[in-house]
Amino acid sequence: MAVDLFAGVPVEDYTAALSWYERLFGAPPAFLPNDTEAVWELGEHRYVYIEQRPGRAGNALHTLFVDDLDARVAGITARGLRPVDRETYANGVRKVTYEDRDGNQIGFGGGPENG
């Protein structure tokens, strides 16, 4: 079965969120469906989008697993964002979490450090 992902992030202020997510993902959106929505393609058929939805803003919790967590975090840091949390689980999996101004959390996960 083929699976596509289209994960949404409701935001209060679209313009401010657009800038923040461009820094988080390191690129402008892949496309803009309308004036209050922006979409990033993170992998083939795997999208994250922000949408201005003031009444729902701040409730997203997404974790993206990446091949090189350290490189990803270094790139995000170079673009001026800092994580709100870093975790290492008993099995060695690590997670670094970022939080936008609305409280939406986007985490990046990866394997053990240096491996």
PDB file of N, CA and C in Angstrom:
ATOM      1  N   MET A   1       0.834  -1.163   0.000  1.00  0.00           N
ATOM      2  CA  MET A   1       0.000   0.000   0.000  1.00  0.00           C
ATOM      3  C   MET A   1       0.889   1.239   0.000  1.00  0.00           C
ATOM      4  N   ALA A   2       0.641   2.135  -0.914  1.00  0.00           N
ATOM      5  CA  ALA A   2       1.368   3.410  -0.951  1.00  0.00           C
ATOM      6  C   ALA A   2       0.774   4.342   0.100  1.00  0.00           C
ATOM      7  N   VAL A   3       1.649   5.073   0.778  1.00  0.00           N
ATOM      8  CA  VAL A   3       1.193   5.996   1.811  1.00  0.00           C
ATOM      9  C   VAL A   3       1.773   7.370   1.536  1.00  0.00           C
ATOM     10  N   ASP A   4       0.904   8.356   1.476  1.00  0.00           N
ATOM     11  CA  ASP A   4       1.316   9.754   1.382  1.00  0.00           C
ATOM     12  C   ASP A   4       0.998  10.401   2.724  1.00  0.00           C
ATOM     13  N   LEU A   5       1.781  11.400   3.108  1.00  0.00           N
ATOM     14  CA  LEU A   5       1.554  12.099   4.361  1.00  0.00           C
ATOM     15  C   LEU A   5       1.379  13.581   4.085  1.00  0.00           C
ATOM     16  N   PHE A   6       0.357  14.169   4.675  1.00  0.00           N
ATOM     17  CA  PHE A   6       0.076  15.597   4.562  1.00  0.00           C
ATOM     18  C   PHE A   6      -0.286  16.052   5.973  1.00  0.00           C
ATOM     19  N   ALA A   7       0.738  16.454   6.765  1.00  0.00           N
ATOM     20  CA  ALA A   7       0.557  16.770   8.178  1.00  0.00           C
ATOM     21  C   ALA A   7       0.414  18.271   8.373  1.00  0.00           C
ATOM     22  N   GLY A   8      -0.655  18.681   9.053  1.00  0.00           N
ATOM     23  CA  GLY A   8      -0.954  20.092   9.220  1.00  0.00           C
ATOM     24  C   GLY A   8      -0.523  20.670  10.546  1.00  0.00           C
ATOM     25  N   VAL A   9      -0.205  21.964  10.501  1.00  0.00           N
ATOM     26  CA  VAL A   9       0.177  22.724  11.686  1.00  0.00           C
ATOM     27  C   VAL A   9      -0.654  24.006  11.697  1.00  0.00           C
ATOM     28  N   PRO A  10      -1.641  24.107  12.590  1.00  0.00           N
ATOM     29  CA  PRO A  10      -2.449  25.333  12.653  1.00  0.00           C
ATOM     30  C   PRO A  10      -1.666  26.454  13.344  1.00  0.00           C
ATOM     31  N   VAL A  11      -1.696  27.640  12.746  1.00  0.00           N
ATOM     32  CA  VAL A  11      -0.962  28.787  13.292  1.00  0.00           C
ATOM     33  C   VAL A  11      -1.872  29.998  13.427  1.00  0.00           C
ATOM     34  N   GLU A  12      -1.508  30.884  14.319  1.00  0.00           N
ATOM     35  CA  GLU A  12      -2.254  32.117  14.556  1.00  0.00           C
ATOM     36  C   GLU A  12      -1.893  33.175  13.512  1.00  0.00           C
ATOM     37  N   ASP A  13      -0.600  33.452  13.360  1.00  0.00           N
ATOM     38  CA  ASP A  13      -0.102  34.511  12.485  1.00  0.00           C
ATOM     39  C   ASP A  13       0.647  33.867  11.324  1.00  0.00           C
ATOM     40  N   TYR A  14       0.010  33.793  10.173  1.00  0.00           N
ATOM     41  CA  TYR A  14       0.583  33.115   9.014  1.00  0.00           C
ATOM     42  C   TYR A  14       1.932  33.691   8.605  1.00  0.00           C
ATOM     43  N   THR A  15       2.053  34.999   8.537  1.00  0.00           N
ATOM     44  CA  THR A  15       3.295  35.636   8.076  1.00  0.00           C
ATOM     45  C   THR A  15       4.459  35.303   9.002  1.00  0.00           C
ATOM     46  N   ALA A  16       4.248  35.422  10.305  1.00  0.00           N
ATOM     47  CA  ALA A  16       5.307  35.097  11.260  1.00  0.00           C
ATOM     48  C   ALA A  16       5.655  33.610  11.199  1.00  0.00           C
ATOM     49  N   ALA A  17       4.646  32.760  11.097  1.00  0.00           N
ATOM     50  CA  ALA A  17       4.877  31.321  11.040  1.00  0.00           C
ATOM     51  C   ALA A  17       5.628  30.940   9.764  1.00  0.00           C
ATOM     52  N   LEU A  18       5.285  31.558   8.661  1.00  0.00           N
ATOM     53  CA  LEU A  18       5.958  31.260   7.395  1.00  0.00           C
ATOM     54  C   LEU A  18       7.461  31.473   7.524  1.00  0.00           C
ATOM     55  N   SER A  19       7.862  32.585   8.093  1.00  0.00           N
ATOM     56  CA  SER A  19       9.284  32.877   8.284  1.00  0.00           C
ATOM     57  C   SER A  19       9.940  31.852   9.207  1.00  0.00           C
ATOM     58  N   TRP A  20       9.280  31.510  10.298  1.00  0.00           N
ATOM     59  CA  TRP A  20       9.843  30.566  11.263  1.00  0.00           C
ATOM     60  C   TRP A  20      10.015  29.178  10.632  1.00  0.00           C
ATOM     61  N   TYR A  21       9.007  28.707   9.907  1.00  0.00           N
ATOM     62  CA  TYR A  21       9.091  27.373   9.308  1.00  0.00           C
ATOM     63  C   TYR A  21      10.088  27.333   8.148  1.00  0.00           C
ATOM     64  N   GLU A  22      10.286  28.430   7.460  1.00  0.00           N
ATOM     65  CA  GLU A  22      11.336  28.479   6.438  1.00  0.00           C
ATOM     66  C   GLU A  22      12.704  28.279   7.089  1.00  0.00           C
ATOM     67  N   ARG A  23      12.906  28.869   8.260  1.00  0.00           N
ATOM     68  CA  ARG A  23      14.175  28.665   8.981  1.00  0.00           C
ATOM     69  C   ARG A  23      14.268  27.240   9.520  1.00  0.00           C
ATOM     70  N   LEU A  24      13.166  26.708  10.035  1.00  0.00           N
ATOM     71  CA  LEU A  24      13.184  25.347  10.560  1.00  0.00           C
ATOM     72  C   LEU A  24      13.524  24.337   9.468  1.00  0.00           C
ATOM     73  N   PHE A  25      12.857  24.439   8.326  1.00  0.00           N
ATOM     74  CA  PHE A  25      13.052  23.471   7.251  1.00  0.00           C
ATOM     75  C   PHE A  25      14.186  23.835   6.298  1.00  0.00           C
ATOM     76  N   GLY A  26      14.700  25.057   6.400  1.00  0.00           N
ATOM     77  CA  GLY A  26      15.848  25.458   5.590  1.00  0.00           C
ATOM     78  C   GLY A  26      15.532  25.757   4.148  1.00  0.00           C
ATOM     79  N   ALA A  27      14.270  26.035   3.845  1.00  0.00           N
ATOM     80  CA  ALA A  27      13.878  26.299   2.461  1.00  0.00           C
ATOM     81  C   ALA A  27      12.508  26.976   2.442  1.00  0.00           C
ATOM     82  N   PRO A  28      12.215  27.667   1.360  1.00  0.00           N
ATOM     83  CA  PRO A  28      10.862  28.202   1.212  1.00  0.00           C
ATOM     84  C   PRO A  28       9.882  27.046   0.954  1.00  0.00           C
ATOM     85  N   PRO A  29       8.599  27.294   1.071  1.00  0.00           N
ATOM     86  CA  PRO A  29       7.620  26.238   0.812  1.00  0.00           C
ATOM     87  C   PRO A  29       7.714  25.710  -0.614  1.00  0.00           C
ATOM     88  N   ALA A  30       7.320  24.467  -0.788  1.00  0.00           N
ATOM     89  CA  ALA A  30       7.269  23.867  -2.123  1.00  0.00           C
ATOM     90  C   ALA A  30       6.154  24.495  -2.944  1.00  0.00           C
ATOM     91  N   PHE A  31       5.062  24.830  -2.245  1.00  0.00           N
ATOM     92  CA  PHE A  31       3.971  25.529  -2.927  1.00  0.00           C
ATOM     93  C   PHE A  31       3.068  26.203  -1.908  1.00  0.00           C
ATOM     94  N   LEU A  32       2.299  27.173  -2.419  1.00  0.00           N
ATOM     95  CA  LEU A  32       1.376  27.969  -1.610  1.00  0.00           C
ATOM     96  C   LEU A  32      -0.032  27.783  -2.174  1.00  0.00           C
ATOM     97  N   PRO A  33      -0.849  26.924  -1.560  1.00  0.00           N
ATOM     98  CA  PRO A  33      -2.184  26.661  -2.095  1.00  0.00           C
ATOM     99  C   PRO A  33      -3.115  27.874  -2.080  1.00  0.00           C
ATOM    100  N   ASN A  34      -2.906  28.768  -1.112  1.00  0.00           N
ATOM    101  CA  ASN A  34      -3.738  29.968  -0.994  1.00  0.00           C
ATOM    102  C   ASN A  34      -2.990  30.984  -0.133  1.00  0.00           C
ATOM    103  N   ASP A  35      -3.660  32.072   0.241  1.00  0.00           N
ATOM    104  CA  ASP A  35      -3.005  33.158   0.984  1.00  0.00           C
ATOM    105  C   ASP A  35      -2.719  32.843   2.447  1.00  0.00           C
ATOM    106  N   THR A  36      -3.231  31.757   2.967  1.00  0.00           N
ATOM    107  CA  THR A  36      -3.042  31.441   4.386  1.00  0.00           C
ATOM    108  C   THR A  36      -2.535  30.021   4.624  1.00  0.00           C
ATOM    109  N   GLU A  37      -1.868  29.454   3.609  1.00  0.00           N
ATOM    110  CA  GLU A  37      -1.370  28.089   3.715  1.00  0.00           C
ATOM    111  C   GLU A  37      -0.067  27.957   2.942  1.00  0.00           C
ATOM    112  N   ALA A  38       0.902  27.251   3.534  1.00  0.00           N
ATOM    113  CA  ALA A  38       2.195  26.993   2.890  1.00  0.00           C
ATOM    114  C   ALA A  38       2.555  25.532   3.116  1.00  0.00           C
ATOM    115  N   VAL A  39       3.147  24.899   2.089  1.00  0.00           N
ATOM    116  CA  VAL A  39       3.409  23.468   2.125  1.00  0.00           C
ATOM    117  C   VAL A  39       4.877  23.184   1.801  1.00  0.00           C
ATOM    118  N   TRP A  40       5.521  22.376   2.660  1.00  0.00           N
ATOM    119  CA  TRP A  40       6.892  21.926   2.417  1.00  0.00           C
ATOM    120  C   TRP A  40       6.862  20.436   2.110  1.00  0.00           C
ATOM    121  N   GLU A  41       7.576  20.037   1.063  1.00  0.00           N
ATOM    122  CA  GLU A  41       7.720  18.612   0.765  1.00  0.00           C
ATOM    123  C   GLU A  41       9.026  18.158   1.404  1.00  0.00           C
ATOM    124  N   LEU A  42       8.921  17.325   2.443  1.00  0.00           N
ATOM    125  CA  LEU A  42      10.092  16.882   3.192  1.00  0.00           C
ATOM    126  C   LEU A  42      10.690  15.601   2.642  1.00  0.00           C
ATOM    127  N   GLY A  43       9.941  14.894   1.867  1.00  0.00           N
ATOM    128  CA  GLY A  43      10.354  13.664   1.212  1.00  0.00           C
ATOM    129  C   GLY A  43       9.299  13.354   0.175  1.00  0.00           C
ATOM    130  N   GLU A  44       9.570  12.386  -0.651  1.00  0.00           N
ATOM    131  CA  GLU A  44       8.613  12.062  -1.697  1.00  0.00           C
ATOM    132  C   GLU A  44       7.255  11.711  -1.084  1.00  0.00           C
ATOM    133  N   HIS A  45       6.248  12.477  -1.453  1.00  0.00           N
ATOM    134  CA  HIS A  45       4.879  12.271  -0.986  1.00  0.00           C
ATOM    135  C   HIS A  45       4.716  12.459   0.526  1.00  0.00           C
ATOM    136  N   ARG A  46       5.603  13.267   1.114  1.00  0.00           N
ATOM    137  CA  ARG A  46       5.552  13.530   2.556  1.00  0.00           C
ATOM    138  C   ARG A  46       5.641  15.042   2.768  1.00  0.00           C
ATOM    139  N   TYR A  47       4.534  15.605   3.208  1.00  0.00           N
ATOM    140  CA  TYR A  47       4.404  17.054   3.303  1.00  0.00           C
ATOM    141  C   TYR A  47       4.047  17.487   4.722  1.00  0.00           C
ATOM    142  N   VAL A  48       4.526  18.669   5.088  1.00  0.00           N
ATOM    143  CA  VAL A  48       4.077  19.365   6.287  1.00  0.00           C
ATOM    144  C   VAL A  48       3.580  20.722   5.820  1.00  0.00           C
ATOM    145  N   TYR A  49       2.433  21.121   6.331  1.00  0.00           N
ATOM    146  CA  TYR A  49       1.902  22.422   5.926  1.00  0.00           C
ATOM    147  C   TYR A  49       1.483  23.224   7.146  1.00  0.00           C
ATOM    148  N   ILE A  50       1.598  24.542   7.003  1.00  0.00           N
ATOM    149  CA  ILE A  50       1.042  25.446   8.003  1.00  0.00           C
ATOM    150  C   ILE A  50      -0.211  26.063   7.411  1.00  0.00           C
ATOM    151  N   GLU A  51      -1.171  26.330   8.274  1.00  0.00           N
ATOM    152  CA  GLU A  51      -2.401  26.973   7.834  1.00  0.00           C
ATOM    153  C   GLU A  51      -2.876  27.919   8.930  1.00  0.00           C
ATOM    154  N   GLN A  52      -3.232  29.117   8.546  1.00  0.00           N
ATOM    155  CA  GLN A  52      -3.748  30.080   9.512  1.00  0.00           C
ATOM    156  C   GLN A  52      -5.112  29.611   9.991  1.00  0.00           C
ATOM    157  N   ARG A  53      -5.160  29.211  11.255  1.00  0.00           N
ATOM    158  CA  ARG A  53      -6.395  28.737  11.892  1.00  0.00           C
ATOM    159  C   ARG A  53      -6.330  29.159  13.352  1.00  0.00           C
ATOM    160  N   PRO A  54      -6.592  30.431  13.614  1.00  0.00           N
ATOM    161  CA  PRO A  54      -6.409  30.990  14.950  1.00  0.00           C
ATOM    162  C   PRO A  54      -7.055  30.204  16.089  1.00  0.00           C
ATOM    163  N   GLY A  55      -8.218  29.671  15.888  1.00  0.00           N
ATOM    164  CA  GLY A  55      -8.891  28.939  16.953  1.00  0.00           C
ATOM    165  C   GLY A  55      -8.269  27.601  17.284  1.00  0.00           C
ATOM    166  N   ARG A  56      -7.402  27.100  16.417  1.00  0.00           N
ATOM    167  CA  ARG A  56      -6.795  25.783  16.612  1.00  0.00           C
ATOM    168  C   ARG A  56      -5.291  25.836  16.783  1.00  0.00           C
ATOM    169  N   ALA A  57      -4.707  27.015  16.686  1.00  0.00           N
ATOM    170  CA  ALA A  57      -3.247  27.158  16.713  1.00  0.00           C
ATOM    171  C   ALA A  57      -2.649  26.603  18.008  1.00  0.00           C
ATOM    172  N   GLY A  58      -1.481  25.986  17.859  1.00  0.00           N
ATOM    173  CA  GLY A  58      -0.713  25.551  19.019  1.00  0.00           C
ATOM    174  C   GLY A  58      -0.888  24.119  19.444  1.00  0.00           C
ATOM    175  N   ASN A  59      -1.587  23.303  18.675  1.00  0.00           N
ATOM    176  CA  ASN A  59      -1.865  21.941  19.114  1.00  0.00           C
ATOM    177  C   ASN A  59      -1.158  20.849  18.325  1.00  0.00           C
ATOM    178  N   ALA A  60      -0.266  21.202  17.411  1.00  0.00           N
ATOM    179  CA  ALA A  60       0.407  20.181  16.600  1.00  0.00           C
ATOM    180  C   ALA A  60       1.593  19.575  17.349  1.00  0.00           C
ATOM    181  N   LEU A  61       1.762  18.275  17.182  1.00  0.00           N
ATOM    182  CA  LEU A  61       2.901  17.527  17.720  1.00  0.00           C
ATOM    183  C   LEU A  61       3.367  16.580  16.618  1.00  0.00           C
ATOM    184  N   HIS A  62       4.471  16.908  15.961  1.00  0.00           N
ATOM    185  CA  HIS A  62       4.987  16.064  14.882  1.00  0.00           C
ATOM    186  C   HIS A  62       6.448  15.734  15.148  1.00  0.00           C
ATOM    187  N   THR A  63       6.853  14.510  14.835  1.00  0.00           N
ATOM    188  CA  THR A  63       8.256  14.112  14.914  1.00  0.00           C
ATOM    189  C   THR A  63       8.669  13.558  13.566  1.00  0.00           C
ATOM    190  N   LEU A  64       9.788  14.064  13.054  1.00  0.00           N
ATOM    191  CA  LEU A  64      10.333  13.658  11.771  1.00  0.00           C
ATOM    192  C   LEU A  64      11.656  12.948  12.018  1.00  0.00           C
ATOM    193  N   PHE A  65      11.807  11.741  11.525  1.00  0.00           N
ATOM    194  CA  PHE A  65      13.073  11.032  11.690  1.00  0.00           C
ATOM    195  C   PHE A  65      13.965  11.331  10.486  1.00  0.00           C
ATOM    196  N   VAL A  66      15.213  11.666  10.777  1.00  0.00           N
ATOM    197  CA  VAL A  66      16.164  12.070   9.743  1.00  0.00           C
ATOM    198  C   VAL A  66      17.415  11.193   9.823  1.00  0.00           C
ATOM    199  N   ASP A  67      18.140  11.110   8.698  1.00  0.00           N
ATOM    200  CA  ASP A  67      19.344  10.286   8.637  1.00  0.00           C
ATOM    201  C   ASP A  67      20.466  10.825   9.511  1.00  0.00           C
ATOM    202  N   ASP A  68      20.663  12.137   9.517  1.00  0.00           N
ATOM    203  CA  ASP A  68      21.759  12.740  10.265  1.00  0.00           C
ATOM    204  C   ASP A  68      21.211  13.834  11.171  1.00  0.00           C
ATOM    205  N   LEU A  69      20.831  13.434  12.367  1.00  0.00           N
ATOM    206  CA  LEU A  69      20.219  14.364  13.310  1.00  0.00           C
ATOM    207  C   LEU A  69      21.161  15.516  13.656  1.00  0.00           C
ATOM    208  N   ASP A  70      22.423  15.208  13.877  1.00  0.00           N
ATOM    209  CA  ASP A  70      23.374  16.255  14.256  1.00  0.00           C
ATOM    210  C   ASP A  70      23.503  17.316  13.171  1.00  0.00           C
ATOM    211  N   ALA A  71      23.580  16.903  11.921  1.00  0.00           N
ATOM    212  CA  ALA A  71      23.674  17.859  10.811  1.00  0.00           C
ATOM    213  C   ALA A  71      22.400  18.678  10.701  1.00  0.00           C
ATOM    214  N   ARG A  72      21.253  18.047  10.890  1.00  0.00           N
ATOM    215  CA  ARG A  72      19.980  18.757  10.815  1.00  0.00           C
ATOM    216  C   ARG A  72      19.907  19.827  11.899  1.00  0.00           C
ATOM    217  N   VAL A  73      20.245  19.474  13.120  1.00  0.00           N
ATOM    218  CA  VAL A  73      20.197  20.413  14.238  1.00  0.00           C
ATOM    219  C   VAL A  73      21.205  21.542  14.024  1.00  0.00           C
ATOM    220  N   ALA A  74      22.385  21.221  13.530  1.00  0.00           N
ATOM    221  CA  ALA A  74      23.392  22.257  13.263  1.00  0.00           C
ATOM    222  C   ALA A  74      22.885  23.257  12.223  1.00  0.00           C
ATOM    223  N   GLY A  75      22.218  22.777  11.188  1.00  0.00           N
ATOM    224  CA  GLY A  75      21.661  23.655  10.165  1.00  0.00           C
ATOM    225  C   GLY A  75      20.579  24.561  10.723  1.00  0.00           C
ATOM    226  N   ILE A  76      19.711  23.994  11.549  1.00  0.00           N
ATOM    227  CA  ILE A  76      18.632  24.786  12.147  1.00  0.00           C
ATOM    228  C   ILE A  76      19.225  25.836  13.087  1.00  0.00           C
ATOM    229  N   THR A  77      20.231  25.448  13.854  1.00  0.00           N
ATOM    230  CA  THR A  77      20.898  26.393  14.753  1.00  0.00           C
ATOM    231  C   THR A  77      21.530  27.532  13.965  1.00  0.00           C
ATOM    232  N   ALA A  78      22.156  27.205  12.832  1.00  0.00           N
ATOM    233  CA  ALA A  78      22.776  28.236  11.991  1.00  0.00           C
ATOM    234  C   ALA A  78      21.746  29.219  11.437  1.00  0.00           C
ATOM    235  N   ARG A  79      20.501  28.777  11.341  1.00  0.00           N
ATOM    236  CA  ARG A  79      19.428  29.659  10.855  1.00  0.00           C
ATOM    237  C   ARG A  79      18.723  30.388  11.994  1.00  0.00           C
ATOM    238  N   GLY A  80      19.273  30.277  13.212  1.00  0.00           N
ATOM    239  CA  GLY A  80      18.811  31.090  14.327  1.00  0.00           C
ATOM    240  C   GLY A  80      17.752  30.506  15.225  1.00  0.00           C
ATOM    241  N   LEU A  81      17.439  29.228  15.097  1.00  0.00           N
ATOM    242  CA  LEU A  81      16.432  28.615  15.976  1.00  0.00           C
ATOM    243  C   LEU A  81      17.119  27.712  16.996  1.00  0.00           C
ATOM    244  N   ARG A  82      16.562  27.673  18.181  1.00  0.00           N
ATOM    245  CA  ARG A  82      17.093  26.841  19.258  1.00  0.00           C
ATOM    246  C   ARG A  82      16.016  25.854  19.709  1.00  0.00           C
ATOM    247  N   PRO A  83      16.417  24.625  20.029  1.00  0.00           N
ATOM    248  CA  PRO A  83      15.434  23.643  20.507  1.00  0.00           C
ATOM    249  C   PRO A  83      14.936  23.985  21.902  1.00  0.00           C
ATOM    250  N   VAL A  84      13.728  23.521  22.195  1.00  0.00           N
ATOM    251  CA  VAL A  84      13.172  23.678  23.537  1.00  0.00           C
ATOM    252  C   VAL A  84      13.409  22.433  24.380  1.00  0.00           C
ATOM    253  N   ASP A  85      13.800  21.317  23.721  1.00  0.00           N
ATOM    254  CA  ASP A  85      14.017  20.080  24.465  1.00  0.00           C
ATOM    255  C   ASP A  85      14.930  19.159  23.662  1.00  0.00           C
ATOM    256  N   ARG A  86      15.722  18.407  24.387  1.00  0.00           N
ATOM    257  CA  ARG A  86      16.565  17.343  23.817  1.00  0.00           C
ATOM    258  C   ARG A  86      16.380  16.113  24.701  1.00  0.00           C
ATOM    259  N   GLU A  87      16.118  14.981  24.057  1.00  0.00           N
ATOM    260  CA  GLU A  87      15.905  13.750  24.812  1.00  0.00           C
ATOM    261  C   GLU A  87      16.729  12.627  24.201  1.00  0.00           C
ATOM    262  N   THR A  88      17.160  11.700  25.050  1.00  0.00           N
ATOM    263  CA  THR A  88      17.782  10.462  24.597  1.00  0.00           C
ATOM    264  C   THR A  88      17.056   9.333  25.299  1.00  0.00           C
ATOM    265  N   TYR A  89      16.511   8.425  24.521  1.00  0.00           N
ATOM    266  CA  TYR A  89      15.747   7.313  25.070  1.00  0.00           C
ATOM    267  C   TYR A  89      16.671   6.141  25.408  1.00  0.00           C
ATOM    268  N   ALA A  90      16.182   5.193  26.169  1.00  0.00           N
ATOM    269  CA  ALA A  90      16.986   4.060  26.630  1.00  0.00           C
ATOM    270  C   ALA A  90      17.607   3.278  25.474  1.00  0.00           C
ATOM    271  N   ASN A  91      16.955   3.262  24.326  1.00  0.00           N
ATOM    272  CA  ASN A  91      17.481   2.517  23.178  1.00  0.00           C
ATOM    273  C   ASN A  91      18.477   3.325  22.351  1.00  0.00           C
ATOM    274  N   GLY A  92      18.804   4.552  22.817  1.00  0.00           N
ATOM    275  CA  GLY A  92      19.778   5.386  22.127  1.00  0.00           C
ATOM    276  C   GLY A  92      19.192   6.354  21.125  1.00  0.00           C
ATOM    277  N   VAL A  93      17.914   6.214  20.808  1.00  0.00           N
ATOM    278  CA  VAL A  93      17.271   7.144  19.888  1.00  0.00           C
ATOM    279  C   VAL A  93      17.209   8.520  20.540  1.00  0.00           C
ATOM    280  N   ARG A  94      17.524   9.538  19.750  1.00  0.00           N
ATOM    281  CA  ARG A  94      17.517  10.909  20.249  1.00  0.00           C
ATOM    282  C   ARG A  94      16.419  11.708  19.575  1.00  0.00           C
ATOM    283  N   LYS A  95      15.926  12.727  20.278  1.00  0.00           N
ATOM    284  CA  LYS A  95      14.888  13.611  19.744  1.00  0.00           C
ATOM    285  C   LYS A  95      15.210  15.037  20.173  1.00  0.00           C
ATOM    286  N   VAL A  96      15.142  15.940  19.209  1.00  0.00           N
ATOM    287  CA  VAL A  96      15.357  17.361  19.459  1.00  0.00           C
ATOM    288  C   VAL A  96      14.080  18.071  19.026  1.00  0.00           C
ATOM    289  N   THR A  97      13.483  18.841  19.939  1.00  0.00           N
ATOM    290  CA  THR A  97      12.179  19.452  19.699  1.00  0.00           C
ATOM    291  C   THR A  97      12.272  20.965  19.608  1.00  0.00           C
ATOM    292  N   TYR A  98      11.577  21.514  18.625  1.00  0.00           N
ATOM    293  CA  TYR A  98      11.462  22.958  18.418  1.00  0.00           C
ATOM    294  C   TYR A  98       9.999  23.338  18.617  1.00  0.00           C
ATOM    295  N   GLU A  99       9.784  24.561  19.092  1.00  0.00           N
ATOM    296  CA  GLU A  99       8.422  25.011  19.331  1.00  0.00           C
ATOM    297  C   GLU A  99       8.214  26.378  18.695  1.00  0.00           C
ATOM    298  N   ASP A 100       7.176  26.498  17.872  1.00  0.00           N
ATOM    299  CA  ASP A 100       6.890  27.792  17.249  1.00  0.00           C
ATOM    300  C   ASP A 100       6.204  28.714  18.248  1.00  0.00           C
ATOM    301  N   ARG A 101       5.940  29.926  17.850  1.00  0.00           N
ATOM    302  CA  ARG A 101       5.378  30.923  18.777  1.00  0.00           C
ATOM    303  C   ARG A 101       3.972  30.580  19.261  1.00  0.00           C
ATOM    304  N   ASP A 102       3.292  29.666  18.571  1.00  0.00           N
ATOM    305  CA  ASP A 102       1.956  29.239  18.985  1.00  0.00           C
ATOM    306  C   ASP A 102       1.992  28.054  19.940  1.00  0.00           C
ATOM    307  N   GLY A 103       3.148  27.404  20.064  1.00  0.00           N
ATOM    308  CA  GLY A 103       3.266  26.225  20.907  1.00  0.00           C
ATOM    309  C   GLY A 103       3.242  24.915  20.149  1.00  0.00           C
ATOM    310  N   ASN A 104       3.137  24.959  18.817  1.00  0.00           N
ATOM    311  CA  ASN A 104       3.242  23.743  18.017  1.00  0.00           C
ATOM    312  C   ASN A 104       4.649  23.182  18.163  1.00  0.00           C
ATOM    313  N   GLN A 105       4.762  21.866  18.322  1.00  0.00           N
ATOM    314  CA  GLN A 105       6.068  21.247  18.480  1.00  0.00           C
ATOM    315  C   GLN A 105       6.413  20.375  17.284  1.00  0.00           C
ATOM    316  N   ILE A 106       7.601  20.636  16.754  1.00  0.00           N
ATOM    317  CA  ILE A 106       8.145  19.830  15.659  1.00  0.00           C
ATOM    318  C   ILE A 106       9.443  19.219  16.178  1.00  0.00           C
ATOM    319  N   GLY A 107       9.476  17.897  16.271  1.00  0.00           N
ATOM    320  CA  GLY A 107      10.656  17.209  16.742  1.00  0.00           C
ATOM    321  C   GLY A 107      11.381  16.531  15.596  1.00  0.00           C
ATOM    322  N   PHE A 108      12.688  16.404  15.748  1.00  0.00           N
ATOM    323  CA  PHE A 108      13.513  15.654  14.808  1.00  0.00           C
ATOM    324  C   PHE A 108      14.171  14.539  15.585  1.00  0.00           C
ATOM    325  N   GLY A 109      14.034  13.310  15.078  1.00  0.00           N
ATOM    326  CA  GLY A 109      14.591  12.161  15.755  1.00  0.00           C
ATOM    327  C   GLY A 109      15.659  11.488  14.912  1.00  0.00           C
ATOM    328  N   GLY A 110      16.541  10.769  15.594  1.00  0.00           N
ATOM    329  CA  GLY A 110      17.595  10.053  14.910  1.00  0.00           C
ATOM    330  C   GLY A 110      18.228   9.046  15.840  1.00  0.00           C
ATOM    331  N   GLY A 111      19.126   8.273  15.276  1.00  0.00           N
ATOM    332  CA  GLY A 111      19.794   7.227  16.030  1.00  0.00           C
ATOM    333  C   GLY A 111      20.798   7.770  17.026  1.00  0.00           C
ATOM    334  N   PRO A 112      21.517   6.874  17.642  1.00  0.00           N
ATOM    335  CA  PRO A 112      22.521   7.277  18.639  1.00  0.00           C
ATOM    336  C   PRO A 112      23.553   8.236  18.059  1.00  0.00           C
ATOM    337  N   GLU A 113      24.109   9.062  18.916  1.00  0.00           N
ATOM    338  CA  GLU A 113      25.138  10.014  18.503  1.00  0.00           C
ATOM    339  C   GLU A 113      26.323   9.248  17.940  1.00  0.00           C
ATOM    340  N   ASN A 114      26.923   9.811  16.893  1.00  0.00           N
ATOM    341  CA  ASN A 114      28.079   9.213  16.206  1.00  0.00           C
ATOM    342  C   ASN A 114      27.776   7.808  15.715  1.00  0.00           C
ATOM    343  N   GLY A 115      26.545   7.560  15.303  1.00  0.00           N
ATOM    344  CA  GLY A 115      26.254   6.238  14.805  1.00  0.00           C
ATOM    345  C   GLY A 115      24.948   6.220  14.231  1.00  0.00           C
TER     346      GLY A 115
END
